[in-house]
Amino acid sequence: MRWGTFGLILEELRRALERGAAKFKAFFRRNNITKAFYFVIIAAAVFALVRIFIAEITPVDGPSMESTLFSGEQILVDRISYHLRKPERGEIVICRYPGDKRAYVKRIIALEGESVEVRSGVIHINGGRLDESAYWSGVISQDADPVLVPEGYIFVVGDNRNRSVDSRDPRVGPIPMERVIGKAMAVAWPLARFHFL
């Protein structure tokens, strides 16, 4: 197709869009109630799409992530990242445990194919001690036998190691990625404590 013909098609398409936009504006000028109704519907649809596919706000409930996150804080959750890339060790995620509808906030410490164990109060990955100095400085009170993280799963724990029910518990275990809601991006509320994670 030559550019001249293509240009004519584009020009005709532009005119059709302008005519449609003019009709749309005239329709809304005629009826303010209809305008308000459609505005509410469109706003609700946009909000729903954002919450389902892009981001949401999730509350922190309980002490399991102290002193990184505190009960009552609201965190901004990115729902897109893990559809575009694999999770990374150290990221904070919101997930649902197998057979549980509640959302939990935890930190990823092991990825698929890695072996995790708690020995002498310290987490070891593939036999080597995990450096957690950025968010944990205590001693874990209970050791845990080695667990191999299956493909498509992650191993999560709470930053408050001795007050968290997480992947170390055999009733929870590694979390399948389809149970991961998203990545925690920031503390959004209260505003005085806003910060990126």
N, C-alpha and C. Protein backbone atom coordinates (compact mmCIF):
# COMPACT_ATOMS: atom_id res chain seq x y z
N MET A 1 0.85 -1.20 0.00
CA MET A 1 0.00 0.00 0.00
C MET A 1 0.89 1.24 0.00
N ARG A 2 0.56 2.23 -0.85
CA ARG A 2 1.35 3.45 -0.90
C ARG A 2 0.99 4.35 0.27
N TRP A 3 1.95 5.24 0.63
CA TRP A 3 1.72 6.14 1.75
C TRP A 3 0.55 7.07 1.49
N GLY A 4 0.32 7.44 0.22
CA GLY A 4 -0.79 8.34 -0.08
C GLY A 4 -2.12 7.71 0.32
N THR A 5 -2.33 6.46 -0.04
CA THR A 5 -3.56 5.75 0.32
C THR A 5 -3.65 5.57 1.82
N PHE A 6 -2.52 5.20 2.45
CA PHE A 6 -2.49 5.02 3.90
C PHE A 6 -2.84 6.32 4.61
N GLY A 7 -2.32 7.43 4.09
CA GLY A 7 -2.61 8.74 4.66
C GLY A 7 -4.09 9.08 4.57
N LEU A 8 -4.73 8.73 3.43
CA LEU A 8 -6.17 8.97 3.28
C LEU A 8 -6.97 8.16 4.31
N ILE A 9 -6.56 6.92 4.51
CA ILE A 9 -7.25 6.07 5.49
C ILE A 9 -7.11 6.67 6.89
N LEU A 10 -5.90 7.12 7.24
CA LEU A 10 -5.69 7.73 8.56
C LEU A 10 -6.52 8.99 8.73
N GLU A 11 -6.61 9.79 7.66
CA GLU A 11 -7.40 11.02 7.73
C GLU A 11 -8.88 10.72 7.93
N GLU A 12 -9.38 9.71 7.23
CA GLU A 12 -10.78 9.31 7.39
C GLU A 12 -11.04 8.77 8.79
N LEU A 13 -10.09 8.02 9.32
CA LEU A 13 -10.21 7.49 10.68
C LEU A 13 -10.24 8.64 11.70
N ARG A 14 -9.39 9.64 11.49
CA ARG A 14 -9.36 10.80 12.38
C ARG A 14 -10.70 11.53 12.38
N ARG A 15 -11.28 11.71 11.17
CA ARG A 15 -12.58 12.39 11.06
C ARG A 15 -13.68 11.59 11.76
N ALA A 16 -13.64 10.28 11.60
CA ALA A 16 -14.65 9.43 12.25
C ALA A 16 -14.54 9.53 13.76
N LEU A 17 -13.32 9.54 14.29
CA LEU A 17 -13.12 9.68 15.73
C LEU A 17 -13.61 11.03 16.22
N GLU A 18 -13.36 12.08 15.45
CA GLU A 18 -13.84 13.42 15.83
C GLU A 18 -15.36 13.46 15.86
N ARG A 19 -15.99 12.84 14.87
CA ARG A 19 -17.46 12.81 14.85
C ARG A 19 -18.00 12.05 16.05
N GLY A 20 -17.36 10.90 16.37
CA GLY A 20 -17.79 10.11 17.53
C GLY A 20 -17.60 10.88 18.82
N ALA A 21 -16.49 11.59 18.96
CA ALA A 21 -16.22 12.37 20.17
C ALA A 21 -17.24 13.49 20.31
N ALA A 22 -17.62 14.13 19.19
CA ALA A 22 -18.61 15.21 19.23
C ALA A 22 -19.95 14.68 19.69
N LYS A 23 -20.36 13.51 19.18
CA LYS A 23 -21.62 12.90 19.60
C LYS A 23 -21.59 12.53 21.08
N PHE A 24 -20.45 12.03 21.53
CA PHE A 24 -20.29 11.64 22.93
C PHE A 24 -20.45 12.86 23.83
N LYS A 25 -19.80 13.99 23.45
CA LYS A 25 -19.89 15.21 24.25
C LYS A 25 -21.31 15.76 24.25
N ALA A 26 -21.98 15.73 23.10
CA ALA A 26 -23.36 16.23 23.02
C ALA A 26 -24.28 15.40 23.90
N PHE A 27 -24.07 14.09 23.92
CA PHE A 27 -24.89 13.20 24.75
C PHE A 27 -24.77 13.59 26.22
N PHE A 28 -23.54 13.86 26.69
CA PHE A 28 -23.35 14.20 28.09
C PHE A 28 -23.83 15.60 28.43
N ARG A 29 -23.81 16.52 27.45
CA ARG A 29 -24.32 17.87 27.69
C ARG A 29 -25.84 17.84 27.91
N ARG A 30 -26.52 16.90 27.27
CA ARG A 30 -27.98 16.85 27.35
C ARG A 30 -28.46 16.38 28.71
N ASN A 31 -27.71 15.57 29.42
CA ASN A 31 -28.25 14.95 30.62
C ASN A 31 -27.17 14.84 31.70
N ASN A 32 -27.22 15.74 32.69
CA ASN A 32 -26.23 15.74 33.76
C ASN A 32 -26.32 14.51 34.66
N ILE A 33 -27.53 13.98 34.85
CA ILE A 33 -27.69 12.78 35.68
C ILE A 33 -27.01 11.59 35.00
N THR A 34 -27.22 11.49 33.71
CA THR A 34 -26.57 10.41 32.95
C THR A 34 -25.05 10.58 33.03
N LYS A 35 -24.61 11.83 32.93
CA LYS A 35 -23.17 12.10 33.00
C LYS A 35 -22.62 11.63 34.35
N ALA A 36 -23.28 11.98 35.43
CA ALA A 36 -22.81 11.59 36.76
C ALA A 36 -22.81 10.07 36.91
N PHE A 37 -23.86 9.44 36.40
CA PHE A 37 -23.96 7.97 36.49
C PHE A 37 -22.80 7.30 35.75
N TYR A 38 -22.56 7.75 34.52
CA TYR A 38 -21.47 7.16 33.74
C TYR A 38 -20.10 7.45 34.36
N PHE A 39 -19.97 8.63 34.95
CA PHE A 39 -18.70 8.96 35.61
C PHE A 39 -18.44 7.99 36.76
N VAL A 40 -19.47 7.72 37.56
CA VAL A 40 -19.32 6.80 38.70
C VAL A 40 -18.99 5.40 38.20
N ILE A 41 -19.67 4.94 37.15
CA ILE A 41 -19.41 3.60 36.61
C ILE A 41 -17.98 3.50 36.09
N ILE A 42 -17.55 4.52 35.34
CA ILE A 42 -16.20 4.49 34.77
C ILE A 42 -15.15 4.55 35.89
N ALA A 43 -15.39 5.40 36.90
CA ALA A 43 -14.44 5.51 38.01
C ALA A 43 -14.34 4.19 38.77
N ALA A 44 -15.50 3.55 39.00
CA ALA A 44 -15.50 2.26 39.70
C ALA A 44 -14.77 1.19 38.89
N ALA A 45 -14.97 1.21 37.59
CA ALA A 45 -14.30 0.22 36.72
C ALA A 45 -12.80 0.42 36.73
N VAL A 46 -12.38 1.70 36.65
CA VAL A 46 -10.94 1.99 36.68
C VAL A 46 -10.34 1.56 38.01
N PHE A 47 -11.04 1.87 39.12
CA PHE A 47 -10.55 1.48 40.44
C PHE A 47 -10.43 -0.04 40.55
N ALA A 48 -11.44 -0.75 40.07
CA ALA A 48 -11.42 -2.22 40.13
C ALA A 48 -10.28 -2.78 39.31
N LEU A 49 -10.07 -2.24 38.11
CA LEU A 49 -8.97 -2.72 37.26
C LEU A 49 -7.62 -2.47 37.90
N VAL A 50 -7.45 -1.29 38.50
CA VAL A 50 -6.19 -0.98 39.18
C VAL A 50 -5.97 -1.95 40.32
N ARG A 51 -7.02 -2.19 41.13
CA ARG A 51 -6.88 -3.06 42.30
C ARG A 51 -6.61 -4.51 41.90
N ILE A 52 -7.23 -4.97 40.82
CA ILE A 52 -7.06 -6.37 40.40
C ILE A 52 -5.72 -6.59 39.72
N PHE A 53 -5.30 -5.64 38.88
CA PHE A 53 -4.15 -5.90 38.03
C PHE A 53 -2.89 -5.10 38.36
N ILE A 54 -3.02 -3.98 39.07
CA ILE A 54 -1.86 -3.10 39.22
C ILE A 54 -1.41 -2.97 40.68
N ALA A 55 -2.25 -2.48 41.56
CA ALA A 55 -1.82 -2.23 42.93
C ALA A 55 -3.02 -2.25 43.88
N GLU A 56 -2.72 -2.47 45.16
CA GLU A 56 -3.75 -2.39 46.18
C GLU A 56 -3.10 -2.01 47.50
N ILE A 57 -3.93 -1.66 48.46
CA ILE A 57 -3.46 -1.36 49.81
C ILE A 57 -3.85 -2.53 50.71
N THR A 58 -2.90 -3.02 51.50
CA THR A 58 -3.12 -4.16 52.38
C THR A 58 -2.69 -3.81 53.80
N PRO A 59 -3.48 -4.17 54.81
CA PRO A 59 -3.08 -3.87 56.19
C PRO A 59 -2.09 -4.88 56.73
N VAL A 60 -1.25 -4.43 57.64
CA VAL A 60 -0.37 -5.32 58.40
C VAL A 60 -1.11 -5.67 59.68
N ASP A 61 -1.18 -6.96 59.98
CA ASP A 61 -1.93 -7.41 61.16
C ASP A 61 -1.05 -8.36 61.97
N GLY A 62 -0.60 -7.91 63.11
CA GLY A 62 0.20 -8.75 63.99
C GLY A 62 1.67 -8.35 64.00
N PRO A 63 2.45 -8.99 64.89
CA PRO A 63 3.84 -8.59 65.12
C PRO A 63 4.88 -9.34 64.28
N SER A 64 4.46 -10.18 63.35
CA SER A 64 5.41 -11.09 62.70
C SER A 64 6.45 -10.41 61.82
N MET A 65 6.22 -9.14 61.42
CA MET A 65 7.19 -8.45 60.56
C MET A 65 7.92 -7.33 61.30
N GLU A 66 7.74 -7.21 62.62
CA GLU A 66 8.48 -6.21 63.36
C GLU A 66 9.97 -6.56 63.34
N SER A 67 10.87 -5.65 63.24
CA SER A 67 10.69 -4.21 63.32
C SER A 67 10.70 -3.52 61.95
N THR A 68 10.37 -4.29 60.90
CA THR A 68 10.26 -3.70 59.56
C THR A 68 8.89 -3.09 59.34
N LEU A 69 7.86 -3.84 59.68
CA LEU A 69 6.47 -3.39 59.53
C LEU A 69 5.73 -3.63 60.85
N PHE A 70 4.77 -2.75 61.13
CA PHE A 70 4.06 -2.84 62.40
C PHE A 70 2.56 -2.99 62.17
N SER A 71 1.91 -3.69 63.10
CA SER A 71 0.47 -3.91 63.02
C SER A 71 -0.26 -2.57 62.92
N GLY A 72 -1.23 -2.50 62.01
CA GLY A 72 -1.99 -1.27 61.80
C GLY A 72 -1.50 -0.45 60.63
N GLU A 73 -0.27 -0.68 60.17
CA GLU A 73 0.21 0.03 58.99
C GLU A 73 -0.49 -0.51 57.75
N GLN A 74 -0.59 0.34 56.73
CA GLN A 74 -1.15 -0.04 55.45
C GLN A 74 -0.03 -0.01 54.42
N ILE A 75 0.12 -1.09 53.65
CA ILE A 75 1.21 -1.13 52.69
C ILE A 75 0.68 -1.17 51.26
N LEU A 76 1.42 -0.50 50.38
CA LEU A 76 1.10 -0.48 48.95
C LEU A 76 1.69 -1.73 48.32
N VAL A 77 0.85 -2.47 47.61
CA VAL A 77 1.25 -3.76 47.03
C VAL A 77 1.25 -3.67 45.50
N ASP A 78 2.38 -4.00 44.92
CA ASP A 78 2.53 -4.05 43.46
C ASP A 78 2.11 -5.43 42.97
N ARG A 79 1.05 -5.50 42.16
CA ARG A 79 0.52 -6.78 41.69
C ARG A 79 1.06 -7.19 40.32
N ILE A 80 1.90 -6.35 39.71
CA ILE A 80 2.35 -6.61 38.34
C ILE A 80 3.71 -7.31 38.28
N SER A 81 4.64 -6.89 39.12
CA SER A 81 6.04 -7.29 39.00
C SER A 81 6.26 -8.77 38.76
N TYR A 82 5.59 -9.62 39.53
CA TYR A 82 5.87 -11.06 39.44
C TYR A 82 5.24 -11.72 38.21
N HIS A 83 4.49 -10.94 37.44
CA HIS A 83 4.04 -11.44 36.14
C HIS A 83 5.08 -11.15 35.07
N LEU A 84 6.01 -10.24 35.40
CA LEU A 84 7.03 -9.82 34.44
C LEU A 84 8.42 -10.38 34.76
N ARG A 85 8.63 -10.76 36.02
CA ARG A 85 9.93 -11.27 36.42
C ARG A 85 9.77 -12.22 37.61
N LYS A 86 10.84 -12.93 37.92
CA LYS A 86 10.82 -13.84 39.06
C LYS A 86 11.09 -13.07 40.35
N PRO A 87 10.60 -13.58 41.47
CA PRO A 87 10.87 -12.91 42.75
C PRO A 87 12.34 -13.01 43.12
N GLU A 88 12.77 -12.13 44.01
CA GLU A 88 14.15 -12.12 44.47
C GLU A 88 14.21 -12.26 45.98
N ARG A 89 15.28 -12.87 46.45
CA ARG A 89 15.48 -13.03 47.88
C ARG A 89 15.50 -11.65 48.56
N GLY A 90 14.86 -11.56 49.70
CA GLY A 90 14.85 -10.32 50.47
C GLY A 90 13.62 -9.47 50.22
N GLU A 91 12.88 -9.72 49.15
CA GLU A 91 11.67 -8.93 48.88
C GLU A 91 10.56 -9.30 49.85
N ILE A 92 9.76 -8.32 50.20
CA ILE A 92 8.60 -8.55 51.07
C ILE A 92 7.39 -8.77 50.18
N VAL A 93 6.66 -9.85 50.46
CA VAL A 93 5.50 -10.20 49.64
C VAL A 93 4.25 -10.34 50.48
N ILE A 94 3.12 -10.24 49.79
CA ILE A 94 1.83 -10.54 50.39
C ILE A 94 1.37 -11.83 49.72
N CYS A 95 1.04 -12.82 50.54
CA CYS A 95 0.68 -14.12 50.00
C CYS A 95 -0.43 -14.75 50.83
N ARG A 96 -1.01 -15.79 50.26
CA ARG A 96 -1.99 -16.59 50.98
C ARG A 96 -1.40 -17.98 51.19
N TYR A 97 -1.51 -18.48 52.41
CA TYR A 97 -1.02 -19.82 52.69
C TYR A 97 -1.96 -20.85 52.06
N PRO A 98 -1.44 -22.02 51.71
CA PRO A 98 -2.30 -23.06 51.15
C PRO A 98 -3.48 -23.35 52.08
N GLY A 99 -4.68 -23.34 51.50
CA GLY A 99 -5.90 -23.62 52.26
C GLY A 99 -6.35 -22.49 53.15
N ASP A 100 -5.80 -21.29 52.99
CA ASP A 100 -6.14 -20.16 53.85
C ASP A 100 -6.44 -18.95 52.97
N LYS A 101 -7.54 -18.25 53.24
CA LYS A 101 -7.93 -17.10 52.42
C LYS A 101 -7.31 -15.79 52.90
N ARG A 102 -6.76 -15.80 54.11
CA ARG A 102 -6.17 -14.57 54.65
C ARG A 102 -4.87 -14.21 53.94
N ALA A 103 -4.57 -12.91 53.93
CA ALA A 103 -3.32 -12.44 53.32
C ALA A 103 -2.27 -12.27 54.41
N TYR A 104 -1.05 -12.74 54.13
CA TYR A 104 0.05 -12.64 55.07
C TYR A 104 1.18 -11.82 54.44
N VAL A 105 1.88 -11.06 55.28
CA VAL A 105 3.01 -10.26 54.83
C VAL A 105 4.28 -10.95 55.33
N LYS A 106 5.16 -11.36 54.42
CA LYS A 106 6.38 -12.09 54.80
C LYS A 106 7.52 -11.70 53.87
N ARG A 107 8.73 -12.13 54.24
CA ARG A 107 9.92 -11.85 53.44
C ARG A 107 10.39 -13.14 52.75
N ILE A 108 10.76 -13.01 51.48
CA ILE A 108 11.30 -14.17 50.75
C ILE A 108 12.74 -14.39 51.21
N ILE A 109 13.04 -15.63 51.64
CA ILE A 109 14.43 -15.91 51.99
C ILE A 109 15.04 -17.02 51.13
N ALA A 110 14.19 -17.77 50.42
CA ALA A 110 14.73 -18.82 49.55
C ALA A 110 13.86 -18.94 48.30
N LEU A 111 14.51 -19.31 47.21
CA LEU A 111 13.85 -19.40 45.90
C LEU A 111 13.81 -20.85 45.45
N GLU A 112 13.09 -21.09 44.35
CA GLU A 112 12.95 -22.45 43.85
C GLU A 112 14.31 -23.12 43.63
N GLY A 113 14.38 -24.40 44.01
CA GLY A 113 15.60 -25.16 43.84
C GLY A 113 16.60 -25.02 44.97
N GLU A 114 16.33 -24.15 45.95
CA GLU A 114 17.25 -23.95 47.06
C GLU A 114 16.83 -24.77 48.28
N SER A 115 17.80 -25.15 49.07
CA SER A 115 17.56 -25.89 50.31
C SER A 115 17.65 -24.91 51.48
N VAL A 116 16.67 -24.97 52.37
CA VAL A 116 16.60 -24.05 53.51
C VAL A 116 16.59 -24.87 54.80
N GLU A 117 17.37 -24.42 55.77
CA GLU A 117 17.29 -25.03 57.10
C GLU A 117 17.65 -23.99 58.14
N VAL A 118 17.15 -24.21 59.36
CA VAL A 118 17.52 -23.37 60.49
C VAL A 118 18.40 -24.23 61.39
N ARG A 119 19.66 -23.78 61.58
CA ARG A 119 20.61 -24.55 62.36
C ARG A 119 21.35 -23.61 63.30
N SER A 120 21.39 -23.97 64.58
CA SER A 120 22.07 -23.15 65.60
C SER A 120 21.53 -21.73 65.62
N GLY A 121 20.21 -21.59 65.41
CA GLY A 121 19.57 -20.28 65.49
C GLY A 121 19.75 -19.39 64.29
N VAL A 122 20.27 -19.96 63.18
CA VAL A 122 20.55 -19.16 61.98
C VAL A 122 19.99 -19.87 60.76
N ILE A 123 19.48 -19.10 59.79
CA ILE A 123 18.99 -19.67 58.54
C ILE A 123 20.16 -19.94 57.60
N HIS A 124 20.16 -21.14 57.02
CA HIS A 124 21.18 -21.52 56.04
C HIS A 124 20.50 -21.82 54.70
N ILE A 125 21.07 -21.32 53.62
CA ILE A 125 20.59 -21.59 52.27
C ILE A 125 21.66 -22.39 51.55
N ASN A 126 21.28 -23.56 51.07
CA ASN A 126 22.24 -24.46 50.39
C ASN A 126 23.51 -24.68 51.22
N GLY A 127 23.31 -24.76 52.54
CA GLY A 127 24.43 -25.04 53.44
C GLY A 127 25.17 -23.82 53.95
N GLY A 128 24.97 -22.66 53.32
CA GLY A 128 25.67 -21.44 53.73
C GLY A 128 24.78 -20.53 54.56
N ARG A 129 25.39 -19.86 55.53
CA ARG A 129 24.65 -18.95 56.40
C ARG A 129 24.10 -17.77 55.61
N LEU A 130 22.83 -17.44 55.83
CA LEU A 130 22.19 -16.31 55.15
C LEU A 130 22.45 -15.03 55.93
N ASP A 131 22.96 -14.00 55.26
CA ASP A 131 23.20 -12.71 55.89
C ASP A 131 21.87 -11.95 55.97
N GLU A 132 21.37 -11.79 57.19
CA GLU A 132 20.09 -11.09 57.39
C GLU A 132 20.27 -9.84 58.24
N SER A 133 21.47 -9.35 58.29
CA SER A 133 21.78 -8.22 59.17
C SER A 133 20.96 -6.97 58.86
N ALA A 134 20.44 -6.86 57.64
CA ALA A 134 19.67 -5.67 57.27
C ALA A 134 18.30 -5.62 57.95
N TYR A 135 17.79 -6.76 58.41
CA TYR A 135 16.44 -6.77 58.99
C TYR A 135 16.27 -7.71 60.18
N TRP A 136 17.31 -8.47 60.56
CA TRP A 136 17.19 -9.38 61.71
C TRP A 136 18.54 -9.53 62.38
N SER A 137 18.56 -9.39 63.72
CA SER A 137 19.83 -9.49 64.43
C SER A 137 19.77 -10.48 65.59
N GLY A 138 18.65 -11.15 65.74
CA GLY A 138 18.50 -12.06 66.86
C GLY A 138 18.91 -13.48 66.53
N VAL A 139 18.54 -14.38 67.44
CA VAL A 139 18.79 -15.81 67.28
C VAL A 139 17.45 -16.50 67.19
N ILE A 140 17.28 -17.36 66.19
CA ILE A 140 16.02 -18.09 66.02
C ILE A 140 15.96 -19.19 67.08
N SER A 141 14.85 -19.22 67.81
CA SER A 141 14.76 -20.10 68.98
C SER A 141 14.58 -21.57 68.63
N GLN A 142 14.10 -21.86 67.44
CA GLN A 142 13.83 -23.27 67.10
C GLN A 142 14.45 -23.62 65.75
N ASP A 143 15.25 -24.69 65.73
CA ASP A 143 15.85 -25.14 64.47
C ASP A 143 14.79 -25.81 63.59
N ALA A 144 15.10 -25.92 62.31
CA ALA A 144 14.18 -26.57 61.36
C ALA A 144 14.99 -27.41 60.39
N ASP A 145 14.48 -28.59 60.09
CA ASP A 145 15.15 -29.50 59.16
C ASP A 145 15.20 -28.91 57.75
N PRO A 146 16.15 -29.38 56.94
CA PRO A 146 16.26 -28.86 55.57
C PRO A 146 14.98 -29.10 54.75
N VAL A 147 14.62 -28.10 53.96
CA VAL A 147 13.47 -28.18 53.05
C VAL A 147 13.95 -27.74 51.67
N LEU A 148 13.65 -28.52 50.65
CA LEU A 148 13.97 -28.14 49.28
C LEU A 148 12.78 -27.40 48.69
N VAL A 149 13.01 -26.19 48.21
CA VAL A 149 11.92 -25.37 47.65
C VAL A 149 11.64 -25.85 46.24
N PRO A 150 10.40 -26.32 45.98
CA PRO A 150 10.07 -26.83 44.63
C PRO A 150 10.05 -25.73 43.57
N GLU A 151 10.08 -26.14 42.33
CA GLU A 151 9.97 -25.19 41.21
C GLU A 151 8.62 -24.49 41.27
N GLY A 152 8.63 -23.17 41.08
CA GLY A 152 7.40 -22.39 41.11
C GLY A 152 6.96 -22.01 42.51
N TYR A 153 7.84 -22.18 43.51
CA TYR A 153 7.53 -21.87 44.91
C TYR A 153 8.57 -20.91 45.47
N ILE A 154 8.22 -20.28 46.60
CA ILE A 154 9.17 -19.48 47.37
C ILE A 154 9.05 -19.89 48.83
N PHE A 155 10.08 -19.57 49.61
CA PHE A 155 10.09 -19.87 51.04
C PHE A 155 10.09 -18.54 51.76
N VAL A 156 9.08 -18.29 52.61
CA VAL A 156 8.92 -16.99 53.26
C VAL A 156 8.97 -17.12 54.77
N VAL A 157 9.48 -16.08 55.42
CA VAL A 157 9.49 -16.00 56.87
C VAL A 157 9.17 -14.58 57.30
N GLY A 158 8.74 -14.43 58.54
CA GLY A 158 8.52 -13.10 59.10
C GLY A 158 9.82 -12.55 59.65
N ASP A 159 10.00 -11.23 59.60
CA ASP A 159 11.23 -10.62 60.12
C ASP A 159 11.35 -10.79 61.63
N ASN A 160 10.25 -10.90 62.32
CA ASN A 160 10.26 -11.17 63.76
C ASN A 160 10.26 -12.70 63.90
N ARG A 161 11.44 -13.29 63.68
CA ARG A 161 11.58 -14.74 63.47
C ARG A 161 10.90 -15.60 64.54
N ASN A 162 10.93 -15.17 65.78
CA ASN A 162 10.41 -16.01 66.86
C ASN A 162 8.93 -15.77 67.15
N ARG A 163 8.30 -14.89 66.37
CA ARG A 163 6.86 -14.64 66.55
C ARG A 163 6.14 -14.69 65.20
N SER A 164 6.56 -15.61 64.34
CA SER A 164 5.97 -15.70 63.01
C SER A 164 5.66 -17.14 62.64
N VAL A 165 4.45 -17.36 62.16
CA VAL A 165 4.10 -18.65 61.56
C VAL A 165 4.31 -18.47 60.06
N ASP A 166 5.20 -19.28 59.48
CA ASP A 166 5.58 -19.06 58.09
C ASP A 166 6.01 -20.38 57.45
N SER A 167 6.82 -20.31 56.40
CA SER A 167 7.19 -21.52 55.65
C SER A 167 7.97 -22.54 56.48
N ARG A 168 8.51 -22.13 57.62
CA ARG A 168 9.21 -23.08 58.49
C ARG A 168 8.25 -24.07 59.12
N ASP A 169 6.99 -23.68 59.23
CA ASP A 169 5.97 -24.55 59.82
C ASP A 169 5.52 -25.56 58.76
N PRO A 170 5.57 -26.86 59.07
CA PRO A 170 5.17 -27.87 58.08
C PRO A 170 3.73 -27.71 57.59
N ARG A 171 2.88 -27.04 58.38
CA ARG A 171 1.49 -26.82 57.94
C ARG A 171 1.41 -25.75 56.87
N VAL A 172 2.47 -24.96 56.72
CA VAL A 172 2.52 -23.90 55.71
C VAL A 172 3.45 -24.32 54.57
N GLY A 173 4.73 -24.50 54.88
CA GLY A 173 5.71 -24.91 53.88
C GLY A 173 5.97 -23.85 52.83
N PRO A 174 6.69 -24.20 51.77
CA PRO A 174 6.92 -23.26 50.67
C PRO A 174 5.60 -22.80 50.04
N ILE A 175 5.60 -21.58 49.52
CA ILE A 175 4.38 -20.97 48.97
C ILE A 175 4.41 -21.02 47.45
N PRO A 176 3.37 -21.59 46.81
CA PRO A 176 3.33 -21.57 45.34
C PRO A 176 3.12 -20.14 44.84
N MET A 177 3.74 -19.80 43.72
CA MET A 177 3.66 -18.44 43.21
C MET A 177 2.24 -18.01 42.89
N GLU A 178 1.36 -18.96 42.58
CA GLU A 178 -0.02 -18.55 42.31
C GLU A 178 -0.74 -18.07 43.58
N ARG A 179 -0.14 -18.31 44.76
CA ARG A 179 -0.71 -17.82 46.02
C ARG A 179 -0.08 -16.49 46.44
N VAL A 180 0.84 -15.97 45.63
CA VAL A 180 1.47 -14.68 45.94
C VAL A 180 0.65 -13.57 45.30
N ILE A 181 0.17 -12.64 46.11
CA ILE A 181 -0.66 -11.53 45.64
C ILE A 181 0.21 -10.47 44.98
N GLY A 182 1.34 -10.16 45.59
CA GLY A 182 2.21 -9.15 45.02
C GLY A 182 3.36 -8.79 45.93
N LYS A 183 4.11 -7.79 45.50
CA LYS A 183 5.31 -7.32 46.20
C LYS A 183 4.99 -6.06 46.98
N ALA A 184 5.38 -6.02 48.25
CA ALA A 184 5.18 -4.83 49.07
C ALA A 184 6.13 -3.73 48.61
N MET A 185 5.58 -2.56 48.29
CA MET A 185 6.38 -1.46 47.75
C MET A 185 6.69 -0.38 48.78
N ALA A 186 5.70 -0.06 49.62
CA ALA A 186 5.89 1.06 50.54
C ALA A 186 4.88 0.99 51.67
N VAL A 187 5.23 1.61 52.80
CA VAL A 187 4.24 1.85 53.85
C VAL A 187 3.49 3.10 53.42
N ALA A 188 2.19 2.95 53.19
CA ALA A 188 1.39 4.06 52.67
C ALA A 188 0.65 4.81 53.77
N TRP A 189 0.42 4.15 54.90
CA TRP A 189 -0.34 4.76 56.00
C TRP A 189 0.13 4.17 57.31
N PRO A 190 0.26 4.97 58.36
CA PRO A 190 0.02 6.41 58.42
C PRO A 190 1.06 7.20 57.63
N LEU A 191 0.65 8.36 57.15
CA LEU A 191 1.52 9.16 56.28
C LEU A 191 2.83 9.53 56.97
N ALA A 192 2.78 9.69 58.30
CA ALA A 192 3.99 10.07 59.03
C ALA A 192 5.05 8.99 58.94
N ARG A 193 4.65 7.75 58.66
CA ARG A 193 5.63 6.66 58.58
C ARG A 193 5.82 6.20 57.12
N PHE A 194 5.37 7.00 56.16
CA PHE A 194 5.53 6.61 54.75
C PHE A 194 7.00 6.40 54.42
N HIS A 195 7.29 5.26 53.80
CA HIS A 195 8.63 5.00 53.27
C HIS A 195 8.57 3.82 52.31
N PHE A 196 9.51 3.79 51.37
CA PHE A 196 9.58 2.68 50.44
C PHE A 196 10.30 1.51 51.09
N LEU A 197 9.91 0.32 50.71
CA LEU A 197 10.51 -0.89 51.28
C LEU A 197 11.59 -1.42 50.35
